[in-house]
N, C-alpha and C. Protein backbone atom coordinates (compact mmCIF):
# COMPACT_ATOMS: atom_id res chain seq x y z
N UNK A 1 123.29 37.15 -59.90
CA UNK A 1 123.64 38.35 -59.18
C UNK A 1 123.02 39.54 -59.90
N UNK A 2 122.30 40.37 -59.18
CA UNK A 2 121.66 41.52 -59.80
C UNK A 2 122.62 42.71 -59.84
N UNK A 3 122.40 43.55 -60.83
CA UNK A 3 123.22 44.75 -60.99
C UNK A 3 122.63 45.85 -60.13
N UNK A 4 123.45 46.53 -59.32
CA UNK A 4 122.90 47.60 -58.48
C UNK A 4 122.33 48.72 -59.35
N UNK A 5 121.20 49.27 -58.92
CA UNK A 5 120.55 50.32 -59.70
C UNK A 5 121.32 51.63 -59.55
N UNK A 6 121.65 52.23 -60.69
CA UNK A 6 122.31 53.54 -60.68
C UNK A 6 121.24 54.60 -60.80
N UNK A 7 121.40 55.67 -60.05
CA UNK A 7 120.44 56.77 -60.13
C UNK A 7 121.15 58.01 -60.63
N UNK A 8 120.47 58.73 -61.53
CA UNK A 8 121.02 59.97 -62.04
C UNK A 8 120.91 61.04 -60.95
N UNK A 9 121.68 62.10 -61.09
CA UNK A 9 121.61 63.18 -60.11
C UNK A 9 120.21 63.80 -60.10
N UNK A 10 119.55 63.85 -61.25
CA UNK A 10 118.18 64.39 -61.31
C UNK A 10 117.22 63.49 -60.55
N UNK A 11 117.35 62.17 -60.70
CA UNK A 11 116.48 61.26 -59.96
C UNK A 11 116.70 61.39 -58.46
N UNK A 12 117.94 61.52 -58.05
CA UNK A 12 118.25 61.70 -56.62
C UNK A 12 117.59 62.97 -56.11
N UNK A 13 117.66 64.04 -56.91
CA UNK A 13 117.03 65.31 -56.54
C UNK A 13 115.51 65.15 -56.38
N UNK A 14 114.87 64.49 -57.35
CA UNK A 14 113.42 64.30 -57.29
C UNK A 14 113.01 63.43 -56.10
N UNK A 15 113.74 62.37 -55.84
CA UNK A 15 113.44 61.51 -54.70
C UNK A 15 113.55 62.31 -53.40
N UNK A 16 114.54 63.19 -53.33
CA UNK A 16 114.70 64.06 -52.17
C UNK A 16 113.53 65.01 -51.96
N UNK A 17 112.80 65.31 -53.04
CA UNK A 17 111.62 66.17 -52.97
C UNK A 17 110.35 65.37 -52.72
N UNK A 18 110.49 64.06 -52.51
CA UNK A 18 109.33 63.22 -52.20
C UNK A 18 108.72 62.49 -53.37
N UNK A 19 109.32 62.57 -54.55
CA UNK A 19 108.80 61.89 -55.73
C UNK A 19 109.24 60.43 -55.75
N UNK A 20 108.39 59.56 -56.27
CA UNK A 20 108.69 58.15 -56.45
C UNK A 20 108.67 57.84 -57.94
N UNK A 21 109.75 57.25 -58.43
CA UNK A 21 109.82 56.87 -59.84
C UNK A 21 108.91 55.68 -60.07
N UNK A 22 108.04 55.78 -61.10
CA UNK A 22 107.13 54.69 -61.41
C UNK A 22 107.61 53.89 -62.62
N UNK A 23 107.55 54.46 -63.79
CA UNK A 23 107.97 53.74 -65.00
C UNK A 23 108.09 54.71 -66.16
N UNK A 24 108.62 54.21 -67.27
CA UNK A 24 108.74 54.99 -68.51
C UNK A 24 107.55 54.66 -69.39
N UNK A 25 107.06 55.68 -70.12
CA UNK A 25 105.92 55.47 -71.01
C UNK A 25 106.03 56.38 -72.23
N UNK A 26 105.29 56.01 -73.26
CA UNK A 26 105.23 56.82 -74.48
C UNK A 26 103.78 56.97 -74.90
N UNK A 27 103.53 57.92 -75.79
CA UNK A 27 102.22 58.07 -76.42
C UNK A 27 101.07 58.17 -75.45
N UNK A 28 99.99 57.48 -75.77
CA UNK A 28 98.75 57.55 -74.99
C UNK A 28 98.94 57.00 -73.57
N UNK A 29 99.91 56.14 -73.37
CA UNK A 29 100.13 55.57 -72.02
C UNK A 29 100.50 56.64 -71.01
N UNK A 30 101.17 57.71 -71.48
CA UNK A 30 101.55 58.79 -70.57
C UNK A 30 100.29 59.44 -70.00
N UNK A 31 99.35 59.79 -70.87
CA UNK A 31 98.12 60.44 -70.43
C UNK A 31 97.28 59.49 -69.57
N UNK A 32 97.19 58.23 -69.97
CA UNK A 32 96.41 57.25 -69.19
C UNK A 32 96.97 57.11 -67.78
N UNK A 33 98.29 56.97 -67.68
CA UNK A 33 98.92 56.80 -66.37
C UNK A 33 98.76 58.07 -65.53
N UNK A 34 98.93 59.23 -66.16
CA UNK A 34 98.79 60.49 -65.44
C UNK A 34 97.38 60.62 -64.86
N UNK A 35 96.37 60.35 -65.67
CA UNK A 35 94.99 60.44 -65.21
C UNK A 35 94.71 59.43 -64.09
N UNK A 36 95.24 58.23 -64.22
CA UNK A 36 95.03 57.20 -63.20
C UNK A 36 95.65 57.61 -61.87
N UNK A 37 96.92 58.03 -61.89
CA UNK A 37 97.58 58.44 -60.64
C UNK A 37 96.88 59.65 -60.03
N UNK A 38 96.48 60.62 -60.84
CA UNK A 38 95.78 61.79 -60.30
C UNK A 38 94.44 61.40 -59.69
N UNK A 39 93.75 60.44 -60.29
CA UNK A 39 92.46 59.99 -59.74
C UNK A 39 92.65 59.28 -58.40
N UNK A 40 93.86 58.78 -58.14
CA UNK A 40 94.16 58.11 -56.88
C UNK A 40 94.74 59.09 -55.85
N UNK A 41 94.77 60.39 -56.20
CA UNK A 41 95.21 61.39 -55.23
C UNK A 41 96.69 61.70 -55.26
N UNK A 42 97.37 61.41 -56.37
CA UNK A 42 98.79 61.69 -56.48
C UNK A 42 99.05 62.90 -57.37
N UNK A 43 100.13 63.60 -57.08
CA UNK A 43 100.68 64.56 -58.01
C UNK A 43 101.51 63.76 -59.01
N UNK A 44 101.59 64.23 -60.23
CA UNK A 44 102.36 63.53 -61.26
C UNK A 44 103.37 64.50 -61.86
N UNK A 45 104.60 64.02 -62.01
CA UNK A 45 105.67 64.80 -62.63
C UNK A 45 106.29 63.94 -63.74
N UNK A 46 106.47 64.55 -64.91
CA UNK A 46 107.04 63.84 -66.05
C UNK A 46 108.43 64.39 -66.36
N UNK A 47 109.36 63.49 -66.61
CA UNK A 47 110.74 63.86 -66.95
C UNK A 47 111.14 63.16 -68.24
N UNK A 48 111.91 63.82 -69.09
CA UNK A 48 112.43 63.13 -70.27
C UNK A 48 113.33 61.97 -69.84
N UNK A 49 113.29 60.89 -70.61
CA UNK A 49 114.12 59.73 -70.30
C UNK A 49 115.55 60.00 -70.74
N UNK A 50 116.47 59.59 -69.90
CA UNK A 50 117.89 59.61 -70.23
C UNK A 50 118.37 58.17 -70.18
N UNK A 51 119.41 57.86 -70.90
CA UNK A 51 119.93 56.48 -70.93
C UNK A 51 120.19 55.98 -69.52
N UNK A 52 120.67 56.84 -68.64
CA UNK A 52 120.97 56.39 -67.27
C UNK A 52 119.71 56.05 -66.48
N UNK A 53 118.52 56.44 -66.97
CA UNK A 53 117.27 56.08 -66.32
C UNK A 53 116.88 54.63 -66.58
N UNK A 54 117.50 54.02 -67.59
CA UNK A 54 117.17 52.66 -67.98
C UNK A 54 118.11 51.68 -67.31
N UNK A 55 117.59 50.52 -66.96
CA UNK A 55 118.43 49.49 -66.38
C UNK A 55 119.40 48.92 -67.40
N UNK A 56 118.98 48.92 -68.65
CA UNK A 56 119.78 48.36 -69.73
C UNK A 56 119.37 49.05 -71.03
N UNK A 57 120.33 49.33 -71.90
CA UNK A 57 119.98 49.95 -73.18
C UNK A 57 120.60 49.18 -74.34
N UNK A 58 121.04 47.96 -74.10
CA UNK A 58 121.70 47.17 -75.14
C UNK A 58 120.79 46.87 -76.33
N UNK A 59 119.48 46.76 -76.09
CA UNK A 59 118.59 46.39 -77.19
C UNK A 59 118.19 47.59 -78.06
N UNK A 60 118.54 48.78 -77.65
CA UNK A 60 118.22 49.96 -78.44
C UNK A 60 119.23 50.13 -79.55
N UNK A 61 118.74 50.20 -80.79
CA UNK A 61 119.66 50.38 -81.93
C UNK A 61 120.34 51.74 -81.85
N UNK A 62 119.55 52.77 -81.62
CA UNK A 62 120.06 54.13 -81.50
C UNK A 62 119.42 54.74 -80.26
N UNK A 63 120.13 54.79 -79.14
CA UNK A 63 119.50 55.24 -77.89
C UNK A 63 118.81 56.59 -77.96
N UNK A 64 119.30 57.54 -78.77
CA UNK A 64 118.70 58.87 -78.81
C UNK A 64 117.33 58.86 -79.47
N UNK A 65 117.14 58.10 -80.52
CA UNK A 65 115.89 58.12 -81.27
C UNK A 65 114.70 57.57 -80.47
N UNK A 66 114.75 56.34 -79.95
CA UNK A 66 113.58 55.80 -79.26
C UNK A 66 113.25 56.54 -77.97
N UNK A 67 114.25 57.12 -77.34
CA UNK A 67 114.03 57.77 -76.05
C UNK A 67 113.41 59.16 -76.19
N UNK A 68 113.45 59.75 -77.37
CA UNK A 68 112.98 61.12 -77.52
C UNK A 68 111.49 61.28 -77.21
N UNK A 69 110.69 60.24 -77.37
CA UNK A 69 109.25 60.32 -77.10
C UNK A 69 108.87 59.69 -75.77
N UNK A 70 109.82 59.21 -75.04
CA UNK A 70 109.56 58.49 -73.80
C UNK A 70 109.74 59.41 -72.59
N UNK A 71 108.83 59.29 -71.62
CA UNK A 71 108.91 60.08 -70.39
C UNK A 71 108.91 59.16 -69.18
N UNK A 72 109.61 59.58 -68.13
CA UNK A 72 109.59 58.86 -66.86
C UNK A 72 108.50 59.49 -66.00
N UNK A 73 107.65 58.65 -65.45
CA UNK A 73 106.54 59.12 -64.61
C UNK A 73 106.96 59.02 -63.15
N UNK A 74 106.86 60.15 -62.45
CA UNK A 74 107.11 60.22 -61.01
C UNK A 74 105.81 60.62 -60.33
N UNK A 75 105.57 60.11 -59.13
CA UNK A 75 104.38 60.47 -58.37
C UNK A 75 104.75 60.78 -56.93
N UNK A 76 103.87 61.53 -56.28
CA UNK A 76 103.95 61.73 -54.83
C UNK A 76 102.56 62.08 -54.35
N UNK A 77 102.26 61.76 -53.10
CA UNK A 77 100.93 62.09 -52.58
C UNK A 77 100.71 63.60 -52.61
N UNK A 78 99.47 64.00 -52.90
CA UNK A 78 99.14 65.42 -52.86
C UNK A 78 99.21 65.89 -51.42
N UNK A 79 99.61 67.13 -51.26
CA UNK A 79 99.69 67.70 -49.91
C UNK A 79 98.29 67.94 -49.37
N UNK A 80 98.12 67.68 -48.08
CA UNK A 80 96.83 67.88 -47.44
C UNK A 80 96.66 69.35 -47.08
N UNK A 81 95.41 69.80 -47.12
CA UNK A 81 95.06 71.12 -46.64
C UNK A 81 94.74 71.03 -45.15
N UNK A 82 94.34 72.11 -44.54
CA UNK A 82 94.04 72.14 -43.11
C UNK A 82 92.82 71.28 -42.76
N UNK A 83 91.95 70.99 -43.73
CA UNK A 83 90.72 70.24 -43.45
C UNK A 83 90.94 68.73 -43.43
N UNK A 84 92.19 68.26 -43.69
CA UNK A 84 92.43 66.83 -43.74
C UNK A 84 92.16 66.24 -45.09
N UNK A 85 91.79 67.10 -46.03
CA UNK A 85 91.54 66.63 -47.39
C UNK A 85 92.79 66.84 -48.22
N UNK A 86 92.94 66.03 -49.25
CA UNK A 86 94.08 66.20 -50.15
C UNK A 86 93.87 67.48 -50.94
N UNK A 87 94.92 67.91 -51.62
CA UNK A 87 94.84 69.13 -52.42
C UNK A 87 93.77 69.00 -53.49
N UNK A 88 93.41 67.79 -53.88
CA UNK A 88 92.38 67.56 -54.88
C UNK A 88 90.97 67.66 -54.32
N UNK A 89 90.83 67.87 -52.99
CA UNK A 89 89.52 68.05 -52.40
C UNK A 89 88.90 66.77 -51.87
N UNK A 90 89.55 65.65 -52.05
CA UNK A 90 89.01 64.37 -51.57
C UNK A 90 89.68 64.01 -50.25
N UNK A 91 88.89 63.48 -49.31
CA UNK A 91 89.46 63.01 -48.06
C UNK A 91 90.16 61.69 -48.32
N UNK A 92 91.40 61.57 -47.86
CA UNK A 92 92.17 60.36 -48.09
C UNK A 92 91.69 59.25 -47.17
N UNK A 93 91.50 58.09 -47.72
CA UNK A 93 91.10 56.92 -46.95
C UNK A 93 92.36 56.22 -46.48
N UNK A 94 92.77 56.49 -45.22
CA UNK A 94 94.04 55.98 -44.72
C UNK A 94 94.10 54.47 -44.67
N UNK A 95 92.96 53.78 -44.69
CA UNK A 95 92.99 52.33 -44.68
C UNK A 95 93.61 51.78 -45.96
N UNK A 96 93.54 52.55 -47.05
CA UNK A 96 94.11 52.09 -48.31
C UNK A 96 95.58 52.38 -48.39
N UNK A 97 96.12 53.21 -47.55
CA UNK A 97 97.52 53.61 -47.63
C UNK A 97 98.25 52.91 -46.55
């Protein structure tokens, strides 16, 4: 039996604004993921990790210490301009979406 996912009030707020939670990352992975999502035409938003963002925190010796460098990556499609192009200037290939 799976445990139902709990969402923080901040996550609910972000989802309401069109953001999709992707994953938690630290160090160079944050920049790599940000660049990758932006190259695919997404906006990227980073949020500090809170214990409630994790499915489980039992393996963390001290939850505050390891989480201080970790960020949650959220994405959403860039808004289109009047020309049908994304805000990044590239025309979206709808066959891929």
